[in-house]
């Protein structure tokens, strides 16, 4: 297919007269894989009558950002969207010292552009990282 009219990674098939797109596994549908199969936000899932759960969202619809997984916590009057990371809720660290420091890398289920897409339309945003310890100190703090 030259040019390839399929969007979002859709696979193109061409004959002499026409072309078609296979959208399987892309998160999009339609003749050219243009329409997202996911809702743009947790709020949209709530309006569909869905309850708290993990969902794929696509904040920019058919735009360049791909869909990603979030946790949606829906209460009677609020909807909370949580972008997941790679760490378990509590990560135990042992054996750290001045000579052998421990560094944890936090990787999120979304890119910075995807996070920006959901935070720009949010009423309120926060990020929480809790540090709980015994006989320890945070990096670059006195003591």
Protein backbone atom coordinates (compact mmCIF):
# COMPACT_ATOMS: atom_id res chain seq x y z
CA UNK A 1 0.00 0.00 0.00
CA UNK A 2 1.63 3.15 -1.17
CA UNK A 3 0.73 5.41 0.49
CA UNK A 4 -0.52 3.52 3.54
CA UNK A 5 -3.85 5.10 4.53
CA UNK A 6 -4.23 2.96 7.67
CA UNK A 7 -3.72 4.87 10.92
CA UNK A 8 -2.48 3.83 14.40
CA UNK A 9 -0.54 0.79 13.18
CA UNK A 10 -3.39 -0.71 11.13
CA UNK A 11 -2.26 -3.16 8.44
CA UNK A 12 -3.07 -2.27 4.85
CA UNK A 13 -4.22 -4.70 2.14
CA UNK A 14 -4.46 -3.46 -1.43
CA UNK A 15 -5.94 -4.63 -4.72
CA UNK A 16 -5.82 -2.81 -8.07
CA UNK A 17 -9.09 -1.05 -7.29
CA UNK A 18 -9.11 -0.47 -3.53
CA UNK A 19 -7.47 -0.92 -0.17
CA UNK A 20 -8.64 -2.09 3.25
CA UNK A 21 -7.23 -1.83 6.75
CA UNK A 22 -7.01 -4.52 9.40
CA UNK A 23 -7.22 -2.80 12.79
CA UNK A 24 -6.89 -5.90 15.04
CA UNK A 25 -4.94 -5.20 18.23
CA UNK A 26 -4.55 -1.45 17.60
CA UNK A 27 -7.32 -0.13 19.87
CA UNK A 28 -8.94 1.57 16.86
CA UNK A 29 -11.67 0.70 14.37
CA UNK A 30 -13.17 2.01 11.12
CA UNK A 31 -12.17 1.96 7.47
CA UNK A 32 -8.74 3.48 8.22
CA UNK A 33 -8.38 2.54 11.95
CA UNK A 34 -9.22 6.13 12.90
CA UNK A 35 -11.86 5.71 15.64
CA UNK A 36 -10.76 4.72 19.16
CA UNK A 37 -12.60 1.76 20.70
CA UNK A 38 -11.90 3.15 24.19
CA UNK A 39 -13.53 5.96 26.11
CA UNK A 40 -11.52 9.17 26.61
CA UNK A 41 -11.71 9.14 30.43
CA UNK A 42 -12.90 7.40 33.58
CA UNK A 43 -15.68 9.99 33.70
CA UNK A 44 -16.95 8.73 30.33
CA UNK A 45 -17.00 5.13 31.61
CA UNK A 46 -19.01 6.30 34.64
CA UNK A 47 -21.58 7.97 32.34
CA UNK A 48 -21.96 4.59 30.61
CA UNK A 49 -22.95 3.08 33.97
CA UNK A 50 -19.64 1.33 34.60
CA UNK A 51 -18.26 0.88 38.11
CA UNK A 52 -14.77 1.19 39.59
CA UNK A 53 -12.29 -1.01 37.74
CA UNK A 54 -9.22 -0.98 35.48
CA UNK A 55 -9.96 0.43 32.02
CA UNK A 56 -8.14 1.44 28.87
CA UNK A 57 -8.65 5.14 28.10
CA UNK A 58 -7.75 7.21 25.04
CA UNK A 59 -7.81 10.88 26.10
CA UNK A 60 -7.18 12.30 22.62
CA UNK A 61 -9.53 9.90 20.81
CA UNK A 62 -8.18 9.40 17.31
CA UNK A 63 -5.19 11.69 17.91
CA UNK A 64 -1.55 10.62 17.97
CA UNK A 65 -1.49 9.41 21.60
CA UNK A 66 -2.24 5.73 22.06
CA UNK A 67 -4.61 4.27 24.65
CA UNK A 68 -3.32 3.25 28.09
CA UNK A 69 -4.55 1.45 31.21
CA UNK A 70 -5.69 3.31 34.32
CA UNK A 71 -7.55 2.49 37.51
CA UNK A 72 -10.91 4.25 37.73
CA UNK A 73 -12.33 4.80 41.22
CA UNK A 74 -15.92 5.98 40.89
CA UNK A 75 -17.78 7.27 43.90
CA UNK A 76 -21.24 8.79 43.93
CA UNK A 77 -19.98 12.33 43.32
CA UNK A 78 -16.33 11.98 42.19
CA UNK A 79 -14.27 10.02 39.67
CA UNK A 80 -10.59 9.38 40.37
CA UNK A 81 -8.17 8.29 37.65
CA UNK A 82 -4.97 6.60 38.79
CA UNK A 83 -2.06 6.08 36.41
CA UNK A 84 -0.36 2.86 37.47
CA UNK A 85 3.36 2.33 38.03
CA UNK A 86 5.63 -0.69 38.09
CA UNK A 87 6.11 -0.91 41.87
CA UNK A 88 3.96 -2.94 44.24
CA UNK A 89 2.02 -0.86 46.81
CA UNK A 90 4.74 -1.39 49.41
CA UNK A 91 8.30 -2.08 48.30
CA UNK A 92 10.63 -3.26 51.05
CA UNK A 93 14.25 -2.14 50.78
CA UNK A 94 16.89 -3.84 52.91
CA UNK A 95 20.66 -3.69 53.09
CA UNK A 96 21.05 -0.08 51.99
CA UNK A 97 24.00 1.90 53.37
CA UNK A 98 26.15 4.95 52.54
CA UNK A 99 28.35 2.74 50.38
CA UNK A 100 25.53 0.71 48.85
CA UNK A 101 22.59 2.98 48.13
CA UNK A 102 19.24 1.81 46.87
CA UNK A 103 17.57 3.60 43.98
CA UNK A 104 14.08 2.68 42.85
CA UNK A 105 13.00 3.56 39.32
CA UNK A 106 9.29 4.39 39.06
CA UNK A 107 7.90 3.69 35.57
CA UNK A 108 4.32 4.62 34.75
CA UNK A 109 1.82 2.88 32.46
CA UNK A 110 1.58 6.10 30.43
CA UNK A 111 4.00 8.50 28.75
CA UNK A 112 4.37 12.08 29.91
CA UNK A 113 2.28 13.24 26.92
CA UNK A 114 -0.50 10.81 27.89
CA UNK A 115 -0.42 11.97 31.52
CA UNK A 116 -0.55 15.60 30.33
CA UNK A 117 -3.60 14.77 28.20
CA UNK A 118 -5.57 13.60 31.25
CA UNK A 119 -4.28 16.21 33.71
CA UNK A 120 -5.09 19.21 31.49
CA UNK A 121 -8.79 18.36 31.65
CA UNK A 122 -8.76 17.37 35.34
CA UNK A 123 -10.34 19.44 38.07
CA UNK A 124 -7.64 18.39 40.55
CA UNK A 125 -4.38 16.40 40.29
CA UNK A 126 -1.93 14.99 42.77
CA UNK A 127 0.96 12.56 42.86
CA UNK A 128 1.79 10.56 45.95
CA UNK A 129 4.95 8.70 46.79
CA UNK A 130 5.15 7.63 50.42
CA UNK A 131 8.48 7.02 52.14
CA UNK A 132 8.29 5.11 55.39
CA UNK A 133 11.45 4.07 57.15
CA UNK A 134 13.40 3.23 60.28
CA UNK A 135 16.87 4.65 60.85
CA UNK A 136 17.12 6.07 57.33
CA UNK A 137 17.04 9.42 55.53
CA UNK A 138 15.93 10.73 52.15
CA UNK A 139 18.54 11.41 49.46
CA UNK A 140 20.38 14.74 49.91
CA UNK A 141 18.90 15.51 53.32
CA UNK A 142 21.16 16.51 56.22
CA UNK A 143 22.13 13.98 58.80
